Amino acid sequence: MTATGTIDRPFTHDPQKQAPMTSSLREPSGSATPAVSTMDANDSRQNRTREMQLIPEAMARAHMSERLREADAERRAARLVAARRMQRRAERVSMRARRALAMAVMQ
């Protein structure tokens, strides 16, 4: 029994067992759409599978780089807060020293 498939329901999903696509008679022989061989279909299928297997790895890499960027931004913010706190403390100490000096000069 030789069953032929349709585009929506192919007889087989294996690209090597599918008949190669040929151009129709309406298309000129040197048209922009080249005839597709089964090896090209199989290679692209393998490549798609490889790419799909690497998707979680790429997502994890992107997630980790985003987390590193966030951690770096948090460290910079913490350093800025600490620097402002030390600056205010230094200003208070400076004002206290000026006041003490002014009191010493006044007496």
PDB file of N, CA and C in Angstrom:
ATOM      1  N   MET A   1       0.845  -1.185   0.000  1.00  0.00           N
ATOM      2  CA  MET A   1       0.000   0.000   0.000  1.00  0.00           C
ATOM      3  C   MET A   1       0.883   1.238   0.000  1.00  0.00           C
ATOM      4  N   THR A   2       0.734   2.053  -1.012  1.00  0.00           N
ATOM      5  CA  THR A   2       1.507   3.289  -1.078  1.00  0.00           C
ATOM      6  C   THR A   2       0.550   4.441  -0.838  1.00  0.00           C
ATOM      7  N   ALA A   3       0.654   5.032   0.338  1.00  0.00           N
ATOM      8  CA  ALA A   3      -0.200   6.157   0.692  1.00  0.00           C
ATOM      9  C   ALA A   3       0.568   7.448   0.454  1.00  0.00           C
ATOM     10  N   THR A   4      -0.069   8.367  -0.198  1.00  0.00           N
ATOM     11  CA  THR A   4       0.559   9.669  -0.397  1.00  0.00           C
ATOM     12  C   THR A   4       0.031  10.621   0.649  1.00  0.00           C
ATOM     13  N   GLY A   5       0.871  11.518   1.067  1.00  0.00           N
ATOM     14  CA  GLY A   5       0.464  12.481   2.084  1.00  0.00           C
ATOM     15  C   GLY A   5       0.114  13.812   1.471  1.00  0.00           C
ATOM     16  N   THR A   6      -0.414  14.681   2.306  1.00  0.00           N
ATOM     17  CA  THR A   6      -0.709  16.045   1.888  1.00  0.00           C
ATOM     18  C   THR A   6       0.231  16.983   2.623  1.00  0.00           C
ATOM     19  N   ILE A   7       0.128  18.261   2.336  1.00  0.00           N
ATOM     20  CA  ILE A   7       0.984  19.218   3.030  1.00  0.00           C
ATOM     21  C   ILE A   7       0.630  19.259   4.509  1.00  0.00           C
ATOM     22  N   ASP A   8      -0.666  19.254   4.813  1.00  0.00           N
ATOM     23  CA  ASP A   8      -1.091  19.312   6.209  1.00  0.00           C
ATOM     24  C   ASP A   8      -0.843  18.004   6.952  1.00  0.00           C
ATOM     25  N   ARG A   9      -1.010  16.890   6.259  1.00  0.00           N
ATOM     26  CA  ARG A   9      -0.794  15.578   6.879  1.00  0.00           C
ATOM     27  C   ARG A   9       0.190  14.776   6.024  1.00  0.00           C
ATOM     28  N   PRO A  10       1.496  14.996   6.243  1.00  0.00           N
ATOM     29  CA  PRO A  10       2.470  14.282   5.419  1.00  0.00           C
ATOM     30  C   PRO A  10       2.477  12.795   5.753  1.00  0.00           C
ATOM     31  N   PHE A  11       2.887  12.019   4.771  1.00  0.00           N
ATOM     32  CA  PHE A  11       2.971  10.568   4.964  1.00  0.00           C
ATOM     33  C   PHE A  11       4.033  10.244   6.001  1.00  0.00           C
ATOM     34  N   THR A  12       5.118  10.986   6.004  1.00  0.00           N
ATOM     35  CA  THR A  12       6.183  10.785   6.984  1.00  0.00           C
ATOM     36  C   THR A  12       6.736  12.138   7.396  1.00  0.00           C
ATOM     37  N   HIS A  13       7.248  12.212   8.601  1.00  0.00           N
ATOM     38  CA  HIS A  13       7.860  13.446   9.083  1.00  0.00           C
ATOM     39  C   HIS A  13       9.372  13.401   8.936  1.00  0.00           C
ATOM     40  N   ASP A  14       9.906  12.262   8.528  1.00  0.00           N
ATOM     41  CA  ASP A  14      11.347  12.119   8.349  1.00  0.00           C
ATOM     42  C   ASP A  14      11.763  12.777   7.040  1.00  0.00           C
ATOM     43  N   PRO A  15      12.635  13.802   7.086  1.00  0.00           N
ATOM     44  CA  PRO A  15      12.992  14.511   5.859  1.00  0.00           C
ATOM     45  C   PRO A  15      13.698  13.617   4.844  1.00  0.00           C
ATOM     46  N   GLN A  16      14.404  12.597   5.292  1.00  0.00           N
ATOM     47  CA  GLN A  16      15.124  11.742   4.350  1.00  0.00           C
ATOM     48  C   GLN A  16      14.180  10.846   3.559  1.00  0.00           C
ATOM     49  N   LYS A  17      13.015  10.571   4.106  1.00  0.00           N
ATOM     50  CA  LYS A  17      12.058   9.701   3.412  1.00  0.00           C
ATOM     51  C   LYS A  17      11.073  10.489   2.552  1.00  0.00           C
ATOM     52  N   GLN A  18      11.116  11.812   2.659  1.00  0.00           N
ATOM     53  CA  GLN A  18      10.212  12.633   1.862  1.00  0.00           C
ATOM     54  C   GLN A  18      10.779  12.812   0.465  1.00  0.00           C
ATOM     55  N   ALA A  19       9.900  12.971  -0.486  1.00  0.00           N
ATOM     56  CA  ALA A  19      10.327  13.200  -1.863  1.00  0.00           C
ATOM     57  C   ALA A  19      10.900  14.604  -1.967  1.00  0.00           C
ATOM     58  N   PRO A  20      11.965  14.782  -2.726  1.00  0.00           N
ATOM     59  CA  PRO A  20      12.535  16.135  -2.856  1.00  0.00           C
ATOM     60  C   PRO A  20      11.569  17.053  -3.576  1.00  0.00           C
ATOM     61  N   MET A  21      11.597  18.326  -3.181  1.00  0.00           N
ATOM     62  CA  MET A  21      10.718  19.310  -3.805  1.00  0.00           C
ATOM     63  C   MET A  21      11.270  19.662  -5.173  1.00  0.00           C
ATOM     64  N   THR A  22      10.416  19.715  -6.152  1.00  0.00           N
ATOM     65  CA  THR A  22      10.826  20.107  -7.493  1.00  0.00           C
ATOM     66  C   THR A  22      10.065  21.354  -7.881  1.00  0.00           C
ATOM     67  N   SER A  23      10.655  22.138  -8.749  1.00  0.00           N
ATOM     68  CA  SER A  23       9.978  23.360  -9.166  1.00  0.00           C
ATOM     69  C   SER A  23       8.871  23.014 -10.157  1.00  0.00           C
ATOM     70  N   SER A  24       7.841  23.809 -10.147  1.00  0.00           N
ATOM     71  CA  SER A  24       6.721  23.560 -11.047  1.00  0.00           C
ATOM     72  C   SER A  24       7.068  24.026 -12.456  1.00  0.00           C
ATOM     73  N   LEU A  25       6.243  23.660 -13.410  1.00  0.00           N
ATOM     74  CA  LEU A  25       6.495  24.031 -14.796  1.00  0.00           C
ATOM     75  C   LEU A  25       6.286  25.529 -15.022  1.00  0.00           C
ATOM     76  N   ARG A  26       5.489  26.168 -14.148  1.00  0.00           N
ATOM     77  CA  ARG A  26       5.211  27.591 -14.311  1.00  0.00           C
ATOM     78  C   ARG A  26       6.421  28.452 -13.947  1.00  0.00           C
ATOM     79  N   GLU A  27       7.314  27.938 -13.081  1.00  0.00           N
ATOM     80  CA  GLU A  27       8.477  28.713 -12.688  1.00  0.00           C
ATOM     81  C   GLU A  27       9.564  28.573 -13.739  1.00  0.00           C
ATOM     82  N   PRO A  28      10.280  29.640 -14.015  1.00  0.00           N
ATOM     83  CA  PRO A  28      11.404  29.523 -14.948  1.00  0.00           C
ATOM     84  C   PRO A  28      12.520  28.694 -14.324  1.00  0.00           C
ATOM     85  N   SER A  29      13.367  28.132 -15.161  1.00  0.00           N
ATOM     86  CA  SER A  29      14.393  27.220 -14.654  1.00  0.00           C
ATOM     87  C   SER A  29      15.402  27.925 -13.767  1.00  0.00           C
ATOM     88  N   GLY A  30      15.675  29.177 -13.979  1.00  0.00           N
ATOM     89  CA  GLY A  30      16.637  29.911 -13.152  1.00  0.00           C
ATOM     90  C   GLY A  30      15.947  30.817 -12.156  1.00  0.00           C
ATOM     91  N   SER A  31      14.883  30.356 -11.527  1.00  0.00           N
ATOM     92  CA  SER A  31      14.116  31.227 -10.629  1.00  0.00           C
ATOM     93  C   SER A  31      14.869  31.433  -9.318  1.00  0.00           C
ATOM     94  N   ALA A  32      14.353  32.330  -8.508  1.00  0.00           N
ATOM     95  CA  ALA A  32      15.006  32.674  -7.241  1.00  0.00           C
ATOM     96  C   ALA A  32      14.827  31.597  -6.196  1.00  0.00           C
ATOM     97  N   THR A  33      13.879  30.688  -6.378  1.00  0.00           N
ATOM     98  CA  THR A  33      13.650  29.645  -5.382  1.00  0.00           C
ATOM     99  C   THR A  33      14.316  28.363  -5.852  1.00  0.00           C
ATOM    100  N   PRO A  34      15.453  28.007  -5.254  1.00  0.00           N
ATOM    101  CA  PRO A  34      16.150  26.797  -5.687  1.00  0.00           C
ATOM    102  C   PRO A  34      15.421  25.549  -5.211  1.00  0.00           C
ATOM    103  N   ALA A  35      15.664  24.443  -5.878  1.00  0.00           N
ATOM    104  CA  ALA A  35      15.084  23.165  -5.469  1.00  0.00           C
ATOM    105  C   ALA A  35      15.717  22.754  -4.146  1.00  0.00           C
ATOM    106  N   VAL A  36      14.924  22.224  -3.210  1.00  0.00           N
ATOM    107  CA  VAL A  36      15.394  21.849  -1.883  1.00  0.00           C
ATOM    108  C   VAL A  36      15.726  20.372  -1.876  1.00  0.00           C
ATOM    109  N   SER A  37      16.913  20.039  -1.424  1.00  0.00           N
ATOM    110  CA  SER A  37      17.286  18.627  -1.337  1.00  0.00           C
ATOM    111  C   SER A  37      16.960  18.110   0.060  1.00  0.00           C
ATOM    112  N   THR A  38      16.885  16.809   0.189  1.00  0.00           N
ATOM    113  CA  THR A  38      16.551  16.229   1.490  1.00  0.00           C
ATOM    114  C   THR A  38      17.686  16.417   2.478  1.00  0.00           C
ATOM    115  N   MET A  39      18.921  16.503   2.019  1.00  0.00           N
ATOM    116  CA  MET A  39      20.045  16.703   2.934  1.00  0.00           C
ATOM    117  C   MET A  39      19.967  18.083   3.573  1.00  0.00           C
ATOM    118  N   ASP A  40      19.568  19.097   2.778  1.00  0.00           N
ATOM    119  CA  ASP A  40      19.421  20.432   3.344  1.00  0.00           C
ATOM    120  C   ASP A  40      18.335  20.444   4.413  1.00  0.00           C
ATOM    121  N   ALA A  41      17.237  19.760   4.143  1.00  0.00           N
ATOM    122  CA  ALA A  41      16.145  19.705   5.120  1.00  0.00           C
ATOM    123  C   ALA A  41      16.612  19.001   6.378  1.00  0.00           C
ATOM    124  N   ASN A  42      17.371  17.930   6.226  1.00  0.00           N
ATOM    125  CA  ASN A  42      17.850  17.193   7.393  1.00  0.00           C
ATOM    126  C   ASN A  42      18.858  18.024   8.180  1.00  0.00           C
ATOM    127  N   ASP A  43      19.754  18.738   7.466  1.00  0.00           N
ATOM    128  CA  ASP A  43      20.734  19.578   8.152  1.00  0.00           C
ATOM    129  C   ASP A  43      20.050  20.689   8.934  1.00  0.00           C
ATOM    130  N   SER A  44      19.041  21.322   8.314  1.00  0.00           N
ATOM    131  CA  SER A  44      18.361  22.397   9.025  1.00  0.00           C
ATOM    132  C   SER A  44      17.587  21.836  10.210  1.00  0.00           C
ATOM    133  N   ARG A  45      17.059  20.629  10.056  1.00  0.00           N
ATOM    134  CA  ARG A  45      16.346  19.992  11.174  1.00  0.00           C
ATOM    135  C   ARG A  45      17.312  19.715  12.316  1.00  0.00           C
ATOM    136  N   GLN A  46      18.500  19.204  11.999  1.00  0.00           N
ATOM    137  CA  GLN A  46      19.510  18.957  13.023  1.00  0.00           C
ATOM    138  C   GLN A  46      19.943  20.262  13.677  1.00  0.00           C
ATOM    139  N   ASN A  47      20.125  21.290  12.865  1.00  0.00           N
ATOM    140  CA  ASN A  47      20.560  22.574  13.387  1.00  0.00           C
ATOM    141  C   ASN A  47      19.504  23.166  14.315  1.00  0.00           C
ATOM    142  N   ARG A  48      18.230  23.050  13.918  1.00  0.00           N
ATOM    143  CA  ARG A  48      17.140  23.536  14.773  1.00  0.00           C
ATOM    144  C   ARG A  48      17.151  22.798  16.093  1.00  0.00           C
ATOM    145  N   THR A  49      17.337  21.494  16.056  1.00  0.00           N
ATOM    146  CA  THR A  49      17.353  20.709  17.280  1.00  0.00           C
ATOM    147  C   THR A  49      18.509  21.156  18.167  1.00  0.00           C
ATOM    148  N   ARG A  50      19.685  21.368  17.576  1.00  0.00           N
ATOM    149  CA  ARG A  50      20.849  21.809  18.342  1.00  0.00           C
ATOM    150  C   ARG A  50      20.588  23.179  18.956  1.00  0.00           C
ATOM    151  N   GLU A  51      20.009  24.079  18.155  1.00  0.00           N
ATOM    152  CA  GLU A  51      19.699  25.412  18.676  1.00  0.00           C
ATOM    153  C   GLU A  51      18.688  25.325  19.815  1.00  0.00           C
ATOM    154  N   MET A  52      17.709  24.468  19.672  1.00  0.00           N
ATOM    155  CA  MET A  52      16.689  24.343  20.718  1.00  0.00           C
ATOM    156  C   MET A  52      17.289  23.752  21.990  1.00  0.00           C
ATOM    157  N   GLN A  53      18.279  22.874  21.840  1.00  0.00           N
ATOM    158  CA  GLN A  53      18.930  22.318  23.025  1.00  0.00           C
ATOM    159  C   GLN A  53      19.775  23.369  23.718  1.00  0.00           C
ATOM    160  N   LEU A  54      20.258  24.357  22.984  1.00  0.00           N
ATOM    161  CA  LEU A  54      21.108  25.388  23.565  1.00  0.00           C
ATOM    162  C   LEU A  54      20.317  26.569  24.115  1.00  0.00           C
ATOM    163  N   ILE A  55      19.005  26.607  23.885  1.00  0.00           N
ATOM    164  CA  ILE A  55      18.188  27.722  24.375  1.00  0.00           C
ATOM    165  C   ILE A  55      18.257  27.864  25.896  1.00  0.00           C
ATOM    166  N   PRO A  56      18.080  26.785  26.696  1.00  0.00           N
ATOM    167  CA  PRO A  56      18.164  26.969  28.151  1.00  0.00           C
ATOM    168  C   PRO A  56      19.527  27.485  28.598  1.00  0.00           C
ATOM    169  N   GLU A  57      20.586  27.041  27.929  1.00  0.00           N
ATOM    170  CA  GLU A  57      21.931  27.509  28.270  1.00  0.00           C
ATOM    171  C   GLU A  57      22.067  28.996  27.979  1.00  0.00           C
ATOM    172  N   ALA A  58      21.556  29.436  26.841  1.00  0.00           N
ATOM    173  CA  ALA A  58      21.622  30.851  26.489  1.00  0.00           C
ATOM    174  C   ALA A  58      20.772  31.677  27.450  1.00  0.00           C
ATOM    175  N   MET A  59      19.614  31.148  27.821  1.00  0.00           N
ATOM    176  CA  MET A  59      18.762  31.867  28.774  1.00  0.00           C
ATOM    177  C   MET A  59      19.437  31.975  30.139  1.00  0.00           C
ATOM    178  N   ALA A  60      20.094  30.891  30.572  1.00  0.00           N
ATOM    179  CA  ALA A  60      20.797  30.914  31.860  1.00  0.00           C
ATOM    180  C   ALA A  60      21.945  31.923  31.811  1.00  0.00           C
ATOM    181  N   ARG A  61      22.651  31.965  30.678  1.00  0.00           N
ATOM    182  CA  ARG A  61      23.758  32.912  30.537  1.00  0.00           C
ATOM    183  C   ARG A  61      23.239  34.349  30.593  1.00  0.00           C
ATOM    184  N   ALA A  62      22.134  34.625  29.910  1.00  0.00           N
ATOM    185  CA  ALA A  62      21.548  35.965  29.928  1.00  0.00           C
ATOM    186  C   ALA A  62      21.057  36.325  31.329  1.00  0.00           C
ATOM    187  N   HIS A  63      20.452  35.338  32.013  1.00  0.00           N
ATOM    188  CA  HIS A  63      19.955  35.570  33.370  1.00  0.00           C
ATOM    189  C   HIS A  63      21.114  35.893  34.311  1.00  0.00           C
ATOM    190  N   MET A  64      22.212  35.141  34.200  1.00  0.00           N
ATOM    191  CA  MET A  64      23.359  35.375  35.077  1.00  0.00           C
ATOM    192  C   MET A  64      23.997  36.737  34.789  1.00  0.00           C
ATOM    193  N   SER A  65      24.096  37.118  33.528  1.00  0.00           N
ATOM    194  CA  SER A  65      24.690  38.427  33.232  1.00  0.00           C
ATOM    195  C   SER A  65      23.797  39.545  33.760  1.00  0.00           C
ATOM    196  N   GLU A  66      22.481  39.354  33.693  1.00  0.00           N
ATOM    197  CA  GLU A  66      21.557  40.351  34.248  1.00  0.00           C
ATOM    198  C   GLU A  66      21.702  40.444  35.764  1.00  0.00           C
ATOM    199  N   ARG A  67      21.837  39.287  36.424  1.00  0.00           N
ATOM    200  CA  ARG A  67      22.023  39.279  37.880  1.00  0.00           C
ATOM    201  C   ARG A  67      23.341  39.951  38.275  1.00  0.00           C
ATOM    202  N   LEU A  68      24.408  39.713  37.493  1.00  0.00           N
ATOM    203  CA  LEU A  68      25.694  40.359  37.768  1.00  0.00           C
ATOM    204  C   LEU A  68      25.579  41.868  37.598  1.00  0.00           C
ATOM    205  N   ARG A  69      24.845  42.309  36.564  1.00  0.00           N
ATOM    206  CA  ARG A  69      24.638  43.742  36.362  1.00  0.00           C
ATOM    207  C   ARG A  69      23.866  44.349  37.539  1.00  0.00           C
ATOM    208  N   GLU A  70      22.829  43.634  38.006  1.00  0.00           N
ATOM    209  CA  GLU A  70      22.052  44.126  39.155  1.00  0.00           C
ATOM    210  C   GLU A  70      22.917  44.217  40.407  1.00  0.00           C
ATOM    211  N   ALA A  71      23.740  43.177  40.653  1.00  0.00           N
ATOM    212  CA  ALA A  71      24.605  43.175  41.834  1.00  0.00           C
ATOM    213  C   ALA A  71      25.611  44.320  41.766  1.00  0.00           C
ATOM    214  N   ASP A  72      26.151  44.582  40.579  1.00  0.00           N
ATOM    215  CA  ASP A  72      27.097  45.680  40.414  1.00  0.00           C
ATOM    216  C   ASP A  72      26.416  47.019  40.692  1.00  0.00           C
ATOM    217  N   ALA A  73      25.194  47.179  40.197  1.00  0.00           N
ATOM    218  CA  ALA A  73      24.455  48.423  40.441  1.00  0.00           C
ATOM    219  C   ALA A  73      24.157  48.593  41.933  1.00  0.00           C
ATOM    220  N   GLU A  74      23.815  47.494  42.610  1.00  0.00           N
ATOM    221  CA  GLU A  74      23.553  47.574  44.057  1.00  0.00           C
ATOM    222  C   GLU A  74      24.813  47.945  44.826  1.00  0.00           C
ATOM    223  N   ARG A  75      25.961  47.372  44.414  1.00  0.00           N
ATOM    224  CA  ARG A  75      27.224  47.706  45.081  1.00  0.00           C
ATOM    225  C   ARG A  75      27.563  49.177  44.896  1.00  0.00           C
ATOM    226  N   ARG A  76      27.372  49.697  43.665  1.00  0.00           N
ATOM    227  CA  ARG A  76      27.645  51.118  43.426  1.00  0.00           C
ATOM    228  C   ARG A  76      26.721  51.998  44.260  1.00  0.00           C
ATOM    229  N   ALA A  77      25.447  51.617  44.371  1.00  0.00           N
ATOM    230  CA  ALA A  77      24.492  52.401  45.162  1.00  0.00           C
ATOM    231  C   ALA A  77      24.887  52.381  46.634  1.00  0.00           C
ATOM    232  N   ALA A  78      25.306  51.214  47.138  1.00  0.00           N
ATOM    233  CA  ALA A  78      25.712  51.106  48.547  1.00  0.00           C
ATOM    234  C   ALA A  78      26.957  51.955  48.801  1.00  0.00           C
ATOM    235  N   ARG A  79      27.907  51.940  47.840  1.00  0.00           N
ATOM    236  CA  ARG A  79      29.110  52.760  47.995  1.00  0.00           C
ATOM    237  C   ARG A  79      28.767  54.249  48.006  1.00  0.00           C
ATOM    238  N   LEU A  80      27.825  54.639  47.154  1.00  0.00           N
ATOM    239  CA  LEU A  80      27.412  56.043  47.104  1.00  0.00           C
ATOM    240  C   LEU A  80      26.757  56.461  48.416  1.00  0.00           C
ATOM    241  N   VAL A  81      25.895  55.613  48.966  1.00  0.00           N
ATOM    242  CA  VAL A  81      25.236  55.915  50.243  1.00  0.00           C
ATOM    243  C   VAL A  81      26.272  56.045  51.354  1.00  0.00           C
ATOM    244  N   ALA A  82      27.243  55.117  51.390  1.00  0.00           N
ATOM    245  CA  ALA A  82      28.289  55.170  52.417  1.00  0.00           C
ATOM    246  C   ALA A  82      29.133  56.434  52.255  1.00  0.00           C
ATOM    247  N   ALA A  83      29.442  56.809  51.028  1.00  0.00           N
ATOM    248  CA  ALA A  83      30.246  58.019  50.797  1.00  0.00           C
ATOM    249  C   ALA A  83      29.495  59.260  51.258  1.00  0.00           C
ATOM    250  N   ARG A  84      28.202  59.323  50.976  1.00  0.00           N
ATOM    251  CA  ARG A  84      27.414  60.488  51.426  1.00  0.00           C
ATOM    252  C   ARG A  84      27.336  60.534  52.950  1.00  0.00           C
ATOM    253  N   ARG A  85      27.180  59.360  53.581  1.00  0.00           N
ATOM    254  CA  ARG A  85      27.126  59.307  55.046  1.00  0.00           C
ATOM    255  C   ARG A  85      28.442  59.807  55.648  1.00  0.00           C
ATOM    256  N   MET A  86      29.577  59.351  55.077  1.00  0.00           N
ATOM    257  CA  MET A  86      30.886  59.797  55.594  1.00  0.00           C
ATOM    258  C   MET A  86      31.091  61.290  55.342  1.00  0.00           C
ATOM    259  N   GLN A  87      30.583  61.795  54.219  1.00  0.00           N
ATOM    260  CA  GLN A  87      30.714  63.215  53.936  1.00  0.00           C
ATOM    261  C   GLN A  87      29.939  64.039  54.957  1.00  0.00           C
ATOM    262  N   ARG A  88      28.714  63.610  55.266  1.00  0.00           N
ATOM    263  CA  ARG A  88      27.927  64.344  56.280  1.00  0.00           C
ATOM    264  C   ARG A  88      28.620  64.297  57.644  1.00  0.00           C
ATOM    265  N   ARG A  89      29.185  63.150  57.995  1.00  0.00           N
ATOM    266  CA  ARG A  89      29.891  63.017  59.272  1.00  0.00           C
ATOM    267  C   ARG A  89      31.100  63.951  59.295  1.00  0.00           C
ATOM    268  N   ALA A  90      31.844  64.005  58.169  1.00  0.00           N
ATOM    269  CA  ALA A  90      33.014  64.886  58.102  1.00  0.00           C
ATOM    270  C   ALA A  90      32.598  66.353  58.202  1.00  0.00           C
ATOM    271  N   GLU A  91      31.474  66.708  57.571  1.00  0.00           N
ATOM    272  CA  GLU A  91      30.996  68.088  57.671  1.00  0.00           C
ATOM    273  C   GLU A  91      30.624  68.441  59.111  1.00  0.00           C
ATOM    274  N   ARG A  92      29.972  67.496  59.818  1.00  0.00           N
ATOM    275  CA  ARG A  92      29.613  67.760  61.221  1.00  0.00           C
ATOM    276  C   ARG A  92      30.866  67.930  62.081  1.00  0.00           C
ATOM    277  N   VAL A  93      31.866  67.078  61.869  1.00  0.00           N
ATOM    278  CA  VAL A  93      33.113  67.179  62.636  1.00  0.00           C
ATOM    279  C   VAL A  93      33.807  68.502  62.315  1.00  0.00           C
ATOM    280  N   SER A  94      33.788  68.893  61.054  1.00  0.00           N
ATOM    281  CA  SER A  94      34.412  70.152  60.656  1.00  0.00           C
ATOM    282  C   SER A  94      33.713  71.339  61.323  1.00  0.00           C
ATOM    283  N   MET A  95      32.382  71.329  61.339  1.00  0.00           N
ATOM    284  CA  MET A  95      31.639  72.420  61.994  1.00  0.00           C
ATOM    285  C   MET A  95      31.929  72.451  63.499  1.00  0.00           C
ATOM    286  N   ARG A  96      32.026  71.274  64.119  1.00  0.00           N
ATOM    287  CA  ARG A  96      32.331  71.198  65.560  1.00  0.00           C
ATOM    288  C   ARG A  96      33.731  71.779  65.822  1.00  0.00           C
ATOM    289  N   ALA A  97      34.696  71.468  64.941  1.00  0.00           N
ATOM    290  CA  ALA A  97      36.053  71.989  65.113  1.00  0.00           C
ATOM    291  C   ALA A  97      36.082  73.503  64.922  1.00  0.00           C
ATOM    292  N   ARG A  98      35.333  74.011  63.952  1.00  0.00           N
ATOM    293  CA  ARG A  98      35.272  75.461  63.743  1.00  0.00           C
ATOM    294  C   ARG A  98      34.681  76.166  64.957  1.00  0.00           C
ATOM    295  N   ARG A  99      33.587  75.553  65.488  1.00  0.00           N
ATOM    296  CA  ARG A  99      32.970  76.149  66.658  1.00  0.00           C
ATOM    297  C   ARG A  99      33.933  76.166  67.847  1.00  0.00           C
ATOM    298  N   ALA A 100      34.639  75.065  68.031  1.00  0.00           N
ATOM    299  CA  ALA A 100      35.599  74.982  69.128  1.00  0.00           C
ATOM    300  C   ALA A 100      36.718  76.008  68.942  1.00  0.00           C
ATOM    301  N   LEU A 101      37.178  76.186  67.708  1.00  0.00           N
ATOM    302  CA  LEU A 101      38.218  77.167  67.434  1.00  0.00           C
ATOM    303  C   LEU A 101      37.698  78.591  67.684  1.00  0.00           C
ATOM    304  N   ALA A 102      36.477  78.847  67.241  1.00  0.00           N
ATOM    305  CA  ALA A 102      35.898  80.179  67.445  1.00  0.00           C
ATOM    306  C   ALA A 102      35.732  80.455  68.938  1.00  0.00           C
ATOM    307  N   MET A 103      35.326  79.439  69.696  1.00  0.00           N
ATOM    308  CA  MET A 103      35.166  79.619  71.156  1.00  0.00           C
ATOM    309  C   MET A 103      36.524  79.879  71.797  1.00  0.00           C
ATOM    310  N   ALA A 104      37.587  79.213  71.316  1.00  0.00           N
ATOM    311  CA  ALA A 104      38.920  79.387  71.890  1.00  0.00           C
ATOM    312  C   ALA A 104      39.439  80.786  71.577  1.00  0.00           C
ATOM    313  N   VAL A 105      39.170  81.299  70.374  1.00  0.00           N
ATOM    314  CA  VAL A 105      39.632  82.621  69.981  1.00  0.00           C
ATOM    315  C   VAL A 105      38.857  83.699  70.761  1.00  0.00           C
ATOM    316  N   MET A 106      37.588  83.475  71.026  1.00  0.00           N
ATOM    317  CA  MET A 106      36.748  84.465  71.708  1.00  0.00           C
ATOM    318  C   MET A 106      37.194  84.660  73.160  1.00  0.00           C
ATOM    319  N   GLN A 107      37.772  83.693  73.785  1.00  0.00           N
ATOM    320  CA  GLN A 107      38.101  83.817  75.217  1.00  0.00           C
ATOM    321  C   GLN A 107      39.398  84.452  75.478  1.00  0.00           C
TER     322      GLN A 107
END
